[in-house]
Amino acid sequence: MPIVSITILPQSVEKKTEMSRVITDEINRITGIPKDAIVIAFHELPAENFATNGEMLFEKFKRIPPEQ
């Protein structure tokens, strides 16, 4: 039974559902492992726990306009 662990910034249920479907489909396609044996675990961490290029993501997100 494959267990896929994804550490990510908080996402909507809809986005996590789509990600889990696509990942499950691809693991099934590549390995032939039945989809019901594939487990996806999301570990959501707040933006203040991430940095890229020396900048905290919560600071970077303040400058990005929200999705329309």
PDB file of N, CA and C in Angstrom:
ATOM      1  N   MET A   1       0.847  -1.168   0.000  1.00  0.00           N
ATOM      2  CA  MET A   1       0.000   0.000   0.000  1.00  0.00           C
ATOM      3  C   MET A   1       0.899   1.240   0.000  1.00  0.00           C
ATOM      4  N   PRO A   2       0.923   2.011  -1.094  1.00  0.00           N
ATOM      5  CA  PRO A   2       1.694   3.245  -1.100  1.00  0.00           C
ATOM      6  C   PRO A   2       1.025   4.309  -0.239  1.00  0.00           C
ATOM      7  N   ILE A   3       1.841   5.030   0.505  1.00  0.00           N
ATOM      8  CA  ILE A   3       1.360   6.166   1.282  1.00  0.00           C
ATOM      9  C   ILE A   3       2.135   7.387   0.790  1.00  0.00           C
ATOM     10  N   VAL A   4       1.423   8.334   0.211  1.00  0.00           N
ATOM     11  CA  VAL A   4       2.028   9.558  -0.297  1.00  0.00           C
ATOM     12  C   VAL A   4       1.776  10.655   0.730  1.00  0.00           C
ATOM     13  N   SER A   5       2.837  11.290   1.182  1.00  0.00           N
ATOM     14  CA  SER A   5       2.735  12.350   2.177  1.00  0.00           C
ATOM     15  C   SER A   5       3.066  13.673   1.500  1.00  0.00           C
ATOM     16  N   ILE A   6       2.128  14.626   1.594  1.00  0.00           N
ATOM     17  CA  ILE A   6       2.299  15.934   0.961  1.00  0.00           C
ATOM     18  C   ILE A   6       2.266  17.002   2.045  1.00  0.00           C
ATOM     19  N   THR A   7       3.366  17.747   2.161  1.00  0.00           N
ATOM     20  CA  THR A   7       3.408  18.878   3.073  1.00  0.00           C
ATOM     21  C   THR A   7       3.183  20.120   2.228  1.00  0.00           C
ATOM     22  N   ILE A   8       2.183  20.910   2.615  1.00  0.00           N
ATOM     23  CA  ILE A   8       1.722  21.988   1.754  1.00  0.00           C
ATOM     24  C   ILE A   8       1.149  23.125   2.592  1.00  0.00           C
ATOM     25  N   LEU A   9       1.123  24.299   2.001  1.00  0.00           N
ATOM     26  CA  LEU A   9       0.401  25.406   2.625  1.00  0.00           C
ATOM     27  C   LEU A   9      -1.088  25.081   2.597  1.00  0.00           C
ATOM     28  N   PRO A  10      -1.880  25.641   3.482  1.00  0.00           N
ATOM     29  CA  PRO A  10      -3.313  25.332   3.504  1.00  0.00           C
ATOM     30  C   PRO A  10      -3.968  25.536   2.136  1.00  0.00           C
ATOM     31  N   GLN A  11      -4.788  24.555   1.766  1.00  0.00           N
ATOM     32  CA  GLN A  11      -5.493  24.560   0.485  1.00  0.00           C
ATOM     33  C   GLN A  11      -6.957  24.227   0.727  1.00  0.00           C
ATOM     34  N   SER A  12      -7.782  24.559  -0.241  1.00  0.00           N
ATOM     35  CA  SER A  12      -9.208  24.230  -0.134  1.00  0.00           C
ATOM     36  C   SER A  12      -9.404  22.720  -0.285  1.00  0.00           C
ATOM     37  N   VAL A  13     -10.522  22.248   0.211  1.00  0.00           N
ATOM     38  CA  VAL A  13     -10.868  20.830   0.073  1.00  0.00           C
ATOM     39  C   VAL A  13     -10.944  20.459  -1.405  1.00  0.00           C
ATOM     40  N   GLU A  14     -11.456  21.376  -2.221  1.00  0.00           N
ATOM     41  CA  GLU A  14     -11.572  21.104  -3.656  1.00  0.00           C
ATOM     42  C   GLU A  14     -10.201  20.880  -4.295  1.00  0.00           C
ATOM     43  N   LYS A  15      -9.231  21.694  -3.939  1.00  0.00           N
ATOM     44  CA  LYS A  15      -7.879  21.538  -4.494  1.00  0.00           C
ATOM     45  C   LYS A  15      -7.227  20.252  -4.006  1.00  0.00           C
ATOM     46  N   LYS A  16      -7.394  19.934  -2.733  1.00  0.00           N
ATOM     47  CA  LYS A  16      -6.818  18.687  -2.211  1.00  0.00           C
ATOM     48  C   LYS A  16      -7.492  17.479  -2.840  1.00  0.00           C
ATOM     49  N   THR A  17      -8.791  17.565  -3.082  1.00  0.00           N
ATOM     50  CA  THR A  17      -9.507  16.473  -3.736  1.00  0.00           C
ATOM     51  C   THR A  17      -8.949  16.254  -5.136  1.00  0.00           C
ATOM     52  N   GLU A  18      -8.757  17.329  -5.882  1.00  0.00           N
ATOM     53  CA  GLU A  18      -8.216  17.198  -7.243  1.00  0.00           C
ATOM     54  C   GLU A  18      -6.796  16.644  -7.224  1.00  0.00           C
ATOM     55  N   MET A  19      -5.956  17.159  -6.308  1.00  0.00           N
ATOM     56  CA  MET A  19      -4.585  16.652  -6.213  1.00  0.00           C
ATOM     57  C   MET A  19      -4.576  15.166  -5.887  1.00  0.00           C
ATOM     58  N   SER A  20      -5.412  14.748  -4.932  1.00  0.00           N
ATOM     59  CA  SER A  20      -5.421  13.335  -4.541  1.00  0.00           C
ATOM     60  C   SER A  20      -5.907  12.456  -5.690  1.00  0.00           C
ATOM     61  N   ARG A  21      -6.878  12.947  -6.467  1.00  0.00           N
ATOM     62  CA  ARG A  21      -7.380  12.170  -7.604  1.00  0.00           C
ATOM     63  C   ARG A  21      -6.288  11.996  -8.655  1.00  0.00           C
ATOM     64  N   VAL A  22      -5.616  13.092  -9.022  1.00  0.00           N
ATOM     65  CA  VAL A  22      -4.586  13.043 -10.058  1.00  0.00           C
ATOM     66  C   VAL A  22      -3.419  12.162  -9.613  1.00  0.00           C
ATOM     67  N   ILE A  23      -2.960  12.329  -8.384  1.00  0.00           N
ATOM     68  CA  ILE A  23      -1.835  11.537  -7.876  1.00  0.00           C
ATOM     69  C   ILE A  23      -2.208  10.058  -7.824  1.00  0.00           C
ATOM     70  N   THR A  24      -3.394   9.763  -7.322  1.00  0.00           N
ATOM     71  CA  THR A  24      -3.854   8.368  -7.258  1.00  0.00           C
ATOM     72  C   THR A  24      -3.929   7.759  -8.653  1.00  0.00           C
ATOM     73  N   ASP A  25      -4.516   8.499  -9.594  1.00  0.00           N
ATOM     74  CA  ASP A  25      -4.623   7.994 -10.974  1.00  0.00           C
ATOM     75  C   ASP A  25      -3.253   7.691 -11.565  1.00  0.00           C
ATOM     76  N   GLU A  26      -2.287   8.573 -11.341  1.00  0.00           N
ATOM     77  CA  GLU A  26      -0.956   8.379 -11.922  1.00  0.00           C
ATOM     78  C   GLU A  26      -0.202   7.218 -11.269  1.00  0.00           C
ATOM     79  N   ILE A  27      -0.300   7.084  -9.963  1.00  0.00           N
ATOM     80  CA  ILE A  27       0.347   5.941  -9.301  1.00  0.00           C
ATOM     81  C   ILE A  27      -0.266   4.643  -9.805  1.00  0.00           C
ATOM     82  N   ASN A  28      -1.587   4.624  -9.932  1.00  0.00           N
ATOM     83  CA  ASN A  28      -2.276   3.453 -10.465  1.00  0.00           C
ATOM     84  C   ASN A  28      -1.825   3.157 -11.892  1.00  0.00           C
ATOM     85  N   ARG A  29      -1.745   4.172 -12.730  1.00  0.00           N
ATOM     86  CA  ARG A  29      -1.351   3.988 -14.132  1.00  0.00           C
ATOM     87  C   ARG A  29       0.074   3.451 -14.250  1.00  0.00           C
ATOM     88  N   ILE A  30       0.976   4.010 -13.466  1.00  0.00           N
ATOM     89  CA  ILE A  30       2.386   3.636 -13.557  1.00  0.00           C
ATOM     90  C   ILE A  30       2.656   2.267 -12.942  1.00  0.00           C
ATOM     91  N   THR A  31       2.040   1.987 -11.791  1.00  0.00           N
ATOM     92  CA  THR A  31       2.379   0.761 -11.047  1.00  0.00           C
ATOM     93  C   THR A  31       1.369  -0.368 -11.182  1.00  0.00           C
ATOM     94  N   GLY A  32       0.126  -0.014 -11.525  1.00  0.00           N
ATOM     95  CA  GLY A  32      -0.927  -1.025 -11.550  1.00  0.00           C
ATOM     96  C   GLY A  32      -1.497  -1.328 -10.172  1.00  0.00           C
ATOM     97  N   ILE A  33      -1.026  -0.633  -9.153  1.00  0.00           N
ATOM     98  CA  ILE A  33      -1.558  -0.832  -7.804  1.00  0.00           C
ATOM     99  C   ILE A  33      -2.995  -0.329  -7.790  1.00  0.00           C
ATOM    100  N   PRO A  34      -3.919  -1.100  -7.199  1.00  0.00           N
ATOM    101  CA  PRO A  34      -5.322  -0.667  -7.158  1.00  0.00           C
ATOM    102  C   PRO A  34      -5.468   0.685  -6.451  1.00  0.00           C
ATOM    103  N   LYS A  35      -6.354   1.520  -6.997  1.00  0.00           N
ATOM    104  CA  LYS A  35      -6.555   2.858  -6.446  1.00  0.00           C
ATOM    105  C   LYS A  35      -6.972   2.831  -4.982  1.00  0.00           C
ATOM    106  N   ASP A  36      -7.744   1.830  -4.582  1.00  0.00           N
ATOM    107  CA  ASP A  36      -8.211   1.795  -3.188  1.00  0.00           C
ATOM    108  C   ASP A  36      -7.106   1.429  -2.203  1.00  0.00           C
ATOM    109  N   ALA A  37      -5.929   1.070  -2.711  1.00  0.00           N
ATOM    110  CA  ALA A  37      -4.796   0.754  -1.837  1.00  0.00           C
ATOM    111  C   ALA A  37      -3.834   1.938  -1.707  1.00  0.00           C
ATOM    112  N   ILE A  38      -4.117   3.027  -2.413  1.00  0.00           N
ATOM    113  CA  ILE A  38      -3.228   4.197  -2.421  1.00  0.00           C
ATOM    114  C   ILE A  38      -3.760   5.232  -1.424  1.00  0.00           C
ATOM    115  N   VAL A  39      -2.900   5.648  -0.512  1.00  0.00           N
ATOM    116  CA  VAL A  39      -3.282   6.601   0.534  1.00  0.00           C
ATOM    117  C   VAL A  39      -2.535   7.905   0.310  1.00  0.00           C
ATOM    118  N   ILE A  40      -3.265   9.026   0.359  1.00  0.00           N
ATOM    119  CA  ILE A  40      -2.669  10.356   0.252  1.00  0.00           C
ATOM    120  C   ILE A  40      -2.895  11.067   1.588  1.00  0.00           C
ATOM    121  N   ALA A  41      -1.815  11.567   2.196  1.00  0.00           N
ATOM    122  CA  ALA A  41      -1.923  12.299   3.458  1.00  0.00           C
ATOM    123  C   ALA A  41      -1.444  13.724   3.243  1.00  0.00           C
ATOM    124  N   PHE A  42      -2.295  14.689   3.555  1.00  0.00           N
ATOM    125  CA  PHE A  42      -1.939  16.097   3.455  1.00  0.00           C
ATOM    126  C   PHE A  42      -1.556  16.617   4.836  1.00  0.00           C
ATOM    127  N   HIS A  43      -0.411  17.275   4.894  1.00  0.00           N
ATOM    128  CA  HIS A  43       0.058  17.911   6.119  1.00  0.00           C
ATOM    129  C   HIS A  43       0.139  19.397   5.814  1.00  0.00           C
ATOM    130  N   GLU A  44      -0.831  20.153   6.308  1.00  0.00           N
ATOM    131  CA  GLU A  44      -0.889  21.579   6.020  1.00  0.00           C
ATOM    132  C   GLU A  44      -0.168  22.363   7.115  1.00  0.00           C
ATOM    133  N   LEU A  45       0.729  23.214   6.672  1.00  0.00           N
ATOM    134  CA  LEU A  45       1.467  24.065   7.593  1.00  0.00           C
ATOM    135  C   LEU A  45       1.228  25.516   7.206  1.00  0.00           C
ATOM    136  N   PRO A  46       1.156  26.419   8.174  1.00  0.00           N
ATOM    137  CA  PRO A  46       0.919  27.828   7.860  1.00  0.00           C
ATOM    138  C   PRO A  46       2.105  28.451   7.126  1.00  0.00           C
ATOM    139  N   ALA A  47       1.813  29.510   6.361  1.00  0.00           N
ATOM    140  CA  ALA A  47       2.844  30.179   5.558  1.00  0.00           C
ATOM    141  C   ALA A  47       3.998  30.703   6.411  1.00  0.00           C
ATOM    142  N   GLU A  48       3.737  30.997   7.676  1.00  0.00           N
ATOM    143  CA  GLU A  48       4.833  31.503   8.511  1.00  0.00           C
ATOM    144  C   GLU A  48       5.854  30.421   8.864  1.00  0.00           C
ATOM    145  N   ASN A  49       5.611  29.188   8.426  1.00  0.00           N
ATOM    146  CA  ASN A  49       6.572  28.102   8.640  1.00  0.00           C
ATOM    147  C   ASN A  49       7.389  27.799   7.392  1.00  0.00           C
ATOM    148  N   PHE A  50       7.243  28.612   6.331  1.00  0.00           N
ATOM    149  CA  PHE A  50       7.950  28.374   5.078  1.00  0.00           C
ATOM    150  C   PHE A  50       8.693  29.632   4.640  1.00  0.00           C
ATOM    151  N   ALA A  51       9.829  29.433   3.992  1.00  0.00           N
ATOM    152  CA  ALA A  51      10.567  30.535   3.387  1.00  0.00           C
ATOM    153  C   ALA A  51      11.169  30.042   2.081  1.00  0.00           C
ATOM    154  N   THR A  52      11.252  30.938   1.103  1.00  0.00           N
ATOM    155  CA  THR A  52      11.977  30.650  -0.127  1.00  0.00           C
ATOM    156  C   THR A  52      12.854  31.860  -0.432  1.00  0.00           C
ATOM    157  N   ASN A  53      14.036  31.566  -0.901  1.00  0.00           N
ATOM    158  CA  ASN A  53      14.979  32.623  -1.271  1.00  0.00           C
ATOM    159  C   ASN A  53      15.201  33.610  -0.115  1.00  0.00           C
ATOM    160  N   GLY A  54      15.159  33.115   1.105  1.00  0.00           N
ATOM    161  CA  GLY A  54      15.405  33.941   2.278  1.00  0.00           C
ATOM    162  C   GLY A  54      14.250  34.829   2.698  1.00  0.00           C
ATOM    163  N   GLU A  55      13.071  34.622   2.096  1.00  0.00           N
ATOM    164  CA  GLU A  55      11.910  35.448   2.426  1.00  0.00           C
ATOM    165  C   GLU A  55      10.788  34.563   2.956  1.00  0.00           C
ATOM    166  N   MET A  56      10.213  34.986   4.064  1.00  0.00           N
ATOM    167  CA  MET A  56       9.093  34.238   4.632  1.00  0.00           C
ATOM    168  C   MET A  56       7.898  34.328   3.692  1.00  0.00           C
ATOM    169  N   LEU A  57       7.231  33.200   3.460  1.00  0.00           N
ATOM    170  CA  LEU A  57       6.129  33.191   2.505  1.00  0.00           C
ATOM    171  C   LEU A  57       4.964  34.069   2.926  1.00  0.00           C
ATOM    172  N   PHE A  58       4.686  34.161   4.228  1.00  0.00           N
ATOM    173  CA  PHE A  58       3.560  35.005   4.631  1.00  0.00           C
ATOM    174  C   PHE A  58       3.814  36.460   4.266  1.00  0.00           C
ATOM    175  N   GLU A  59       5.076  36.898   4.247  1.00  0.00           N
ATOM    176  CA  GLU A  59       5.399  38.258   3.814  1.00  0.00           C
ATOM    177  C   GLU A  59       5.214  38.392   2.304  1.00  0.00           C
ATOM    178  N   LYS A  60       5.655  37.386   1.577  1.00  0.00           N
ATOM    179  CA  LYS A  60       5.522  37.394   0.119  1.00  0.00           C
ATOM    180  C   LYS A  60       4.046  37.402  -0.280  1.00  0.00           C
ATOM    181  N   PHE A  61       3.223  36.630   0.423  1.00  0.00           N
ATOM    182  CA  PHE A  61       1.801  36.540   0.085  1.00  0.00           C
ATOM    183  C   PHE A  61       1.066  37.851   0.318  1.00  0.00           C
ATOM    184  N   LYS A  62       1.575  38.694   1.201  1.00  0.00           N
ATOM    185  CA  LYS A  62       0.936  39.992   1.442  1.00  0.00           C
ATOM    186  C   LYS A  62       0.952  40.843   0.162  1.00  0.00           C
ATOM    187  N   ARG A  63       1.933  40.599  -0.718  1.00  0.00           N
ATOM    188  CA  ARG A  63       2.086  41.391  -1.932  1.00  0.00           C
ATOM    189  C   ARG A  63       1.351  40.783  -3.127  1.00  0.00           C
ATOM    190  N   ILE A  64       0.862  39.557  -2.993  1.00  0.00           N
ATOM    191  CA  ILE A  64       0.185  38.877  -4.103  1.00  0.00           C
ATOM    192  C   ILE A  64      -1.305  39.105  -3.989  1.00  0.00           C
ATOM    193  N   PRO A  65      -1.949  39.631  -5.051  1.00  0.00           N
ATOM    194  CA  PRO A  65      -3.399  39.840  -4.975  1.00  0.00           C
ATOM    195  C   PRO A  65      -4.148  38.514  -4.871  1.00  0.00           C
ATOM    196  N   PRO A  66      -5.296  38.474  -4.175  1.00  0.00           N
ATOM    197  CA  PRO A  66      -6.053  37.227  -4.048  1.00  0.00           C
ATOM    198  C   PRO A  66      -6.576  36.760  -5.409  1.00  0.00           C
ATOM    199  N   GLU A  67      -6.840  35.449  -5.501  1.00  0.00           N
ATOM    200  CA  GLU A  67      -7.401  34.879  -6.732  1.00  0.00           C
ATOM    201  C   GLU A  67      -8.762  35.490  -7.007  1.00  0.00           C
ATOM    202  N   GLN A  68      -9.030  35.733  -8.254  1.00  0.00           N
ATOM    203  CA  GLN A  68     -10.325  36.283  -8.657  1.00  0.00           C
ATOM    204  C   GLN A  68     -11.305  35.172  -8.936  1.00  0.00           C
TER     205      GLN A  68
END
